[in-house]
Amino acid sequence: MTGPNRVCLIDTGSRGDGEKIDEILMQQGWSLDFIINTHTHIDHIGGNKYLMEKYGVPAYCTEIDKAFAEYSDLEAAYMNGGKPAGKLRHIFAHPGKIGFRAIEEFFLPDGFDWKLLPGHTFGMIGLKTPDDVWFLGDAYLSESYMQKRSFGYLVDAGEYLATLDMLRGLDGKFFVPAHGVAEENIVEILEKNEANQNMLIEAVKDACSGDDNSAVAHEGAGLDEIISKMYKVTKMRTNEANHALLSSTVKCYLTYLQDKGEIESRFVDDVMVWKTV
């Protein structure tokens, strides 16, 4: 990037946001050099195709997130645990091979830096700009978001907790979450996120234990029973998209607890169940 009017763009919002971003670029007299996507969920790359085609620029993300971006049905199939119905394929559809490149192979301009922040996706990153501002994607839930809901989609609960811990020591003037406001100090909100995650993990563990008079206490809880209880804990609305997000994340919590030796799985009448140890 050279010249005061040359800019890069970090994430491009949801579908249709490319045109809105382009209006700002033209109003300011800016020319776009490249795009960096913190991760490749559709609400972060929705404007990529429009902007990449208009300006002839590439977009960068991690190699593993690039796979999800380039293959339209991969995200929905991963969340669903198999090929999803048409509605989910549409909701989570990605733009395909439109020019994504691996950030691991990109020499960023002077003053830029990035760090891997896994947990929300396998390859999410945070990006630091030359003015010492970190753009952190969905590495944590903002205060305003947490006031509305406790749930955030995860692919790896252990990695997410490790990312929260790492962010406590991150140096920068400002920290910007994708769905929140810039803050000079994020230690308090990171602690709230950690407490929220531990609450959700414990709720899953409790669903696997039941009380002394329940069948769960003797046999264990099946996935649908656990998800049903987590709907109540998270106060999420029941619809196909939310079910894909919640069920996939609940499986991550079960994996986390099982790897820690706090629950175990077995089969009862040909149904897989989980029970606290």
Protein backbone atom coordinates (compact mmCIF):
# COMPACT_ATOMS: atom_id res chain seq x y z
CA MET A 1 0.00 0.00 0.00
CA THR A 2 1.38 3.39 -0.99
CA GLY A 3 -0.20 6.81 -0.81
CA PRO A 4 -2.72 8.33 1.61
CA ASN A 5 -5.73 7.18 -0.39
CA ARG A 6 -4.77 3.50 -0.60
CA VAL A 7 -6.61 1.36 1.96
CA CYS A 8 -7.16 -2.20 3.03
CA LEU A 9 -10.47 -3.53 4.31
CA ILE A 10 -10.94 -5.84 7.29
CA ASP A 11 -14.06 -7.99 6.79
CA THR A 12 -16.92 -6.98 4.50
CA GLY A 13 -20.09 -7.68 6.47
CA SER A 14 -23.12 -9.61 5.28
CA ARG A 15 -24.57 -10.11 1.81
CA GLY A 16 -25.28 -6.76 0.17
CA ASP A 17 -22.81 -4.82 2.33
CA GLY A 18 -20.24 -4.61 -0.47
CA GLU A 19 -22.23 -1.89 -2.22
CA LYS A 20 -22.59 0.08 1.04
CA ILE A 21 -18.85 -0.14 1.68
CA ASP A 22 -18.14 0.94 -1.89
CA GLU A 23 -20.20 4.09 -1.37
CA ILE A 24 -17.96 5.02 1.56
CA LEU A 25 -14.81 4.29 -0.44
CA MET A 26 -15.97 6.56 -3.26
CA GLN A 27 -17.12 9.34 -0.91
CA GLN A 28 -13.71 9.38 0.75
CA GLY A 29 -11.77 9.06 -2.50
CA TRP A 30 -10.12 5.86 -1.34
CA SER A 31 -8.81 3.05 -3.53
CA LEU A 32 -8.94 -0.52 -2.20
CA ASP A 33 -5.69 -2.54 -2.27
CA PHE A 34 -6.75 -5.79 -0.58
CA ILE A 35 -9.18 -7.38 1.88
CA ILE A 36 -8.34 -9.34 5.00
CA ASN A 37 -11.04 -11.53 6.48
CA THR A 38 -10.65 -12.38 10.16
CA HIS A 39 -12.61 -15.54 9.32
CA THR A 40 -14.91 -16.70 6.58
CA HIS A 41 -18.37 -16.87 8.11
CA ILE A 42 -20.85 -15.37 5.68
CA ASP A 43 -21.52 -12.33 7.89
CA HIS A 44 -17.85 -11.39 7.50
CA ILE A 45 -17.30 -12.05 3.79
CA GLY A 46 -20.70 -11.07 2.39
CA GLY A 47 -19.34 -8.04 0.51
CA ASN A 48 -16.17 -9.72 -0.74
CA LYS A 49 -17.35 -10.78 -4.18
CA TYR A 50 -18.68 -7.35 -5.16
CA LEU A 51 -15.59 -5.48 -3.97
CA MET A 52 -13.07 -7.99 -5.26
CA GLU A 53 -14.62 -7.91 -8.71
CA LYS A 54 -14.97 -4.12 -8.86
CA TYR A 55 -11.45 -3.33 -7.63
CA GLY A 56 -9.67 -6.46 -8.90
CA VAL A 57 -8.19 -7.18 -5.48
CA PRO A 58 -7.57 -10.40 -3.53
CA ALA A 59 -8.87 -11.33 -0.11
CA TYR A 60 -6.72 -13.02 2.54
CA CYS A 61 -7.69 -15.46 5.28
CA THR A 62 -6.05 -18.49 6.86
CA GLU A 63 -5.55 -21.59 4.74
CA ILE A 64 -8.08 -23.64 6.72
CA ASP A 65 -10.79 -20.94 6.65
CA LYS A 66 -10.10 -20.51 2.93
CA ALA A 67 -11.42 -24.03 2.37
CA PHE A 68 -14.75 -23.12 3.97
CA ALA A 69 -14.96 -19.91 1.94
CA GLU A 70 -14.27 -21.58 -1.40
CA TYR A 71 -16.65 -24.53 -1.11
CA SER A 72 -20.16 -23.21 -0.78
CA ASP A 73 -21.80 -26.08 1.12
CA LEU A 74 -18.89 -26.96 3.42
CA GLU A 75 -19.84 -24.67 6.31
CA ALA A 76 -23.46 -25.82 6.37
CA ALA A 77 -22.45 -29.48 6.03
CA TYR A 78 -20.01 -29.13 8.92
CA MET A 79 -22.59 -27.52 11.19
CA ASN A 80 -25.29 -29.98 10.17
CA GLY A 81 -23.12 -33.08 10.40
CA GLY A 82 -23.97 -34.06 6.82
CA LYS A 83 -25.47 -32.52 3.71
CA PRO A 84 -28.10 -30.05 4.93
CA ALA A 85 -31.52 -29.29 3.49
CA GLY A 86 -31.87 -26.46 1.00
CA LYS A 87 -32.80 -23.81 3.58
CA LEU A 88 -29.56 -24.27 5.51
CA ARG A 89 -27.51 -24.45 2.32
CA HIS A 90 -28.90 -21.04 1.36
CA ILE A 91 -28.40 -19.44 4.79
CA PHE A 92 -24.78 -20.53 5.12
CA ALA A 93 -23.81 -20.49 1.41
CA HIS A 94 -20.36 -19.09 0.63
CA PRO A 95 -19.28 -17.26 -2.54
CA GLY A 96 -16.89 -19.91 -3.84
CA LYS A 97 -13.53 -19.49 -5.56
CA ILE A 98 -13.49 -15.74 -6.12
CA GLY A 99 -9.84 -15.06 -5.34
CA PHE A 100 -9.18 -15.90 -1.69
CA ARG A 101 -5.52 -16.32 -0.79
CA ALA A 102 -3.77 -17.72 2.29
CA ILE A 103 -2.58 -15.03 4.69
CA GLU A 104 0.22 -17.38 5.76
CA GLU A 105 1.81 -16.70 2.36
CA PHE A 106 1.21 -12.92 2.37
CA PHE A 107 3.85 -10.39 3.39
CA LEU A 108 1.78 -7.75 5.14
CA PRO A 109 2.75 -4.08 4.73
CA ASP A 110 4.92 -2.57 7.47
CA GLY A 111 3.07 -2.01 10.73
CA PHE A 112 0.53 -4.80 10.24
CA ASP A 113 0.52 -8.01 12.26
CA TRP A 114 -1.84 -10.92 12.81
CA LYS A 115 -2.39 -13.66 15.38
CA LEU A 116 -4.30 -16.91 15.18
CA LEU A 117 -7.43 -16.85 17.39
CA PRO A 118 -9.03 -20.30 17.05
CA GLY A 119 -12.22 -21.42 18.76
CA HIS A 120 -14.99 -19.62 16.89
CA THR A 121 -13.57 -21.07 13.67
CA PHE A 122 -10.54 -23.27 13.15
CA GLY A 123 -8.52 -20.46 11.57
CA MET A 124 -9.84 -17.11 12.76
CA ILE A 125 -7.27 -14.36 13.17
CA GLY A 126 -6.94 -10.95 14.78
CA LEU A 127 -5.31 -8.19 12.76
CA LYS A 128 -3.25 -5.28 14.11
CA THR A 129 -3.05 -2.12 12.02
CA PRO A 130 -0.11 0.35 11.98
CA ASP A 131 -1.95 2.65 14.42
CA ASP A 132 -1.87 -0.17 17.01
CA VAL A 133 -5.54 -1.14 16.78
CA TRP A 134 -6.51 -4.81 16.93
CA PHE A 135 -9.50 -6.07 14.95
CA LEU A 136 -10.47 -9.29 16.69
CA GLY A 137 -13.37 -10.73 14.71
CA ASP A 138 -15.54 -12.94 16.91
CA ALA A 139 -12.82 -13.82 19.40
CA TYR A 140 -15.14 -12.68 22.21
CA LEU A 141 -18.72 -11.51 22.66
CA SER A 142 -19.16 -7.79 23.20
CA GLU A 143 -20.95 -6.38 26.24
CA SER A 144 -23.99 -5.37 24.17
CA TYR A 145 -24.18 -8.82 22.57
CA MET A 146 -23.94 -10.63 25.91
CA GLN A 147 -26.78 -8.53 27.30
CA LYS A 148 -29.03 -10.02 24.61
CA ARG A 149 -27.82 -13.63 24.53
CA SER A 150 -25.21 -15.89 26.08
CA PHE A 151 -24.65 -18.15 23.10
CA GLY A 152 -21.81 -17.85 20.59
CA TYR A 153 -21.02 -20.47 17.96
CA LEU A 154 -17.84 -22.51 18.53
CA VAL A 155 -15.89 -25.22 16.76
CA ASP A 156 -13.53 -25.84 19.71
CA ALA A 157 -14.39 -24.90 23.29
CA GLY A 158 -10.89 -25.52 24.64
CA GLU A 159 -9.23 -23.39 21.97
CA TYR A 160 -11.79 -20.62 22.53
CA LEU A 161 -10.96 -20.48 26.24
CA ALA A 162 -7.24 -20.46 25.38
CA THR A 163 -7.82 -17.56 22.98
CA LEU A 164 -9.62 -15.55 25.68
CA ASP A 165 -6.67 -16.13 27.99
CA MET A 166 -4.14 -15.10 25.33
CA LEU A 167 -6.02 -11.89 24.53
CA ARG A 168 -5.54 -10.69 28.11
CA GLY A 169 -1.87 -10.09 27.37
CA LEU A 170 -2.33 -8.51 23.94
CA ASP A 171 -0.78 -5.05 23.60
CA GLY A 172 -2.66 -2.38 21.67
CA LYS A 173 -4.28 1.04 21.91
CA PHE A 174 -7.75 -0.16 20.98
CA PHE A 175 -9.46 -3.53 20.54
CA VAL A 176 -12.38 -3.91 18.14
CA PRO A 177 -14.73 -6.93 18.17
CA ALA A 178 -16.74 -7.56 15.02
CA HIS A 179 -20.09 -7.09 16.76
CA GLY A 180 -19.29 -4.38 19.28
CA VAL A 181 -17.42 -1.16 19.94
CA ALA A 182 -13.74 -0.31 20.25
CA GLU A 183 -12.34 -0.39 23.79
CA GLU A 184 -8.98 0.54 25.30
CA ASN A 185 -9.10 -2.25 27.88
CA ILE A 186 -10.87 -5.57 27.32
CA VAL A 187 -9.76 -7.50 30.41
CA GLU A 188 -13.16 -7.14 32.09
CA ILE A 189 -15.17 -8.24 29.04
CA LEU A 190 -12.79 -11.17 28.52
CA GLU A 191 -13.43 -12.26 32.11
CA LYS A 192 -17.18 -12.03 31.49
CA ASN A 193 -16.78 -14.14 28.36
CA GLU A 194 -14.80 -16.75 30.25
CA ALA A 195 -17.44 -16.86 33.00
CA ASN A 196 -20.15 -17.18 30.34
CA GLN A 197 -18.35 -20.06 28.64
CA ASN A 198 -17.83 -21.85 31.92
CA MET A 199 -21.55 -21.41 32.68
CA LEU A 200 -22.49 -23.01 29.34
CA ILE A 201 -20.02 -25.84 29.81
CA GLU A 202 -21.37 -26.53 33.28
CA ALA A 203 -24.93 -26.47 31.90
CA VAL A 204 -24.00 -29.19 29.41
CA LYS A 205 -22.33 -31.17 32.19
CA ASP A 206 -25.43 -30.79 34.39
CA ALA A 207 -27.60 -32.04 31.52
CA CYS A 208 -25.47 -35.18 31.52
CA SER A 209 -25.91 -35.77 35.25
CA GLY A 210 -29.60 -35.23 35.98
CA ASP A 211 -30.92 -35.62 39.51
CA ASP A 212 -31.23 -38.72 41.66
CA ASN A 213 -34.72 -39.56 40.39
CA SER A 214 -34.08 -39.07 36.66
CA ALA A 215 -33.21 -41.62 34.02
CA VAL A 216 -30.18 -39.49 33.20
CA ALA A 217 -28.75 -40.11 36.65
CA HIS A 218 -28.69 -43.83 35.87
CA GLU A 219 -28.10 -44.05 32.12
CA GLY A 220 -27.03 -40.73 30.62
CA ALA A 221 -28.48 -38.06 28.34
CA GLY A 222 -28.83 -38.25 24.58
CA LEU A 223 -27.84 -35.40 22.29
CA ASP A 224 -31.40 -34.20 21.64
CA GLU A 225 -32.12 -34.08 25.38
CA ILE A 226 -28.97 -32.05 26.02
CA ILE A 227 -29.74 -29.64 23.17
CA SER A 228 -33.29 -29.18 24.45
CA LYS A 229 -31.95 -28.14 27.86
CA MET A 230 -29.43 -25.79 26.24
CA TYR A 231 -32.20 -24.02 24.34
CA LYS A 232 -33.65 -23.11 27.72
CA VAL A 233 -30.28 -22.03 29.14
CA THR A 234 -29.37 -19.85 26.15
CA LYS A 235 -32.94 -18.61 25.52
CA MET A 236 -32.42 -19.16 21.80
CA ARG A 237 -35.33 -19.28 19.38
CA THR A 238 -35.96 -22.64 17.78
CA ASN A 239 -35.38 -22.57 14.04
CA GLU A 240 -33.28 -24.56 11.59
CA ALA A 241 -30.33 -22.18 11.50
CA ASN A 242 -30.14 -21.83 15.29
CA HIS A 243 -30.45 -25.58 15.67
CA ALA A 244 -27.45 -26.14 13.41
CA LEU A 245 -25.42 -23.59 15.37
CA LEU A 246 -26.47 -24.85 18.80
CA SER A 247 -26.22 -28.58 18.11
CA SER A 248 -22.76 -28.21 16.55
CA THR A 249 -21.53 -26.14 19.50
CA VAL A 250 -23.03 -28.53 22.06
CA LYS A 251 -21.02 -31.33 20.43
CA CYS A 252 -17.90 -29.21 20.96
CA TYR A 253 -18.74 -28.85 24.65
CA LEU A 254 -19.27 -32.61 24.92
CA THR A 255 -15.88 -33.21 23.29
CA TYR A 256 -14.24 -30.72 25.66
CA LEU A 257 -15.77 -32.38 28.74
CA GLN A 258 -15.04 -35.89 27.52
CA ASP A 259 -11.39 -35.06 26.74
CA LYS A 260 -11.07 -33.66 30.27
CA GLY A 261 -12.46 -36.91 31.69
CA GLU A 262 -15.53 -35.22 33.22
CA ILE A 263 -18.11 -37.12 31.16
CA GLU A 264 -18.10 -40.40 29.29
CA SER A 265 -20.14 -41.73 26.39
CA ARG A 266 -21.79 -45.11 25.92
CA PHE A 267 -24.72 -46.70 24.12
CA VAL A 268 -28.07 -47.48 25.72
CA ASP A 269 -30.61 -49.29 23.51
CA ASP A 270 -28.55 -48.28 20.46
CA VAL A 271 -28.63 -44.60 21.46
CA MET A 272 -25.40 -42.76 22.28
CA VAL A 273 -25.62 -41.03 25.65
CA TRP A 274 -23.26 -38.99 27.82
CA LYS A 275 -23.01 -39.17 31.59
CA THR A 276 -20.90 -37.38 34.17
CA VAL A 277 -18.06 -39.45 35.61
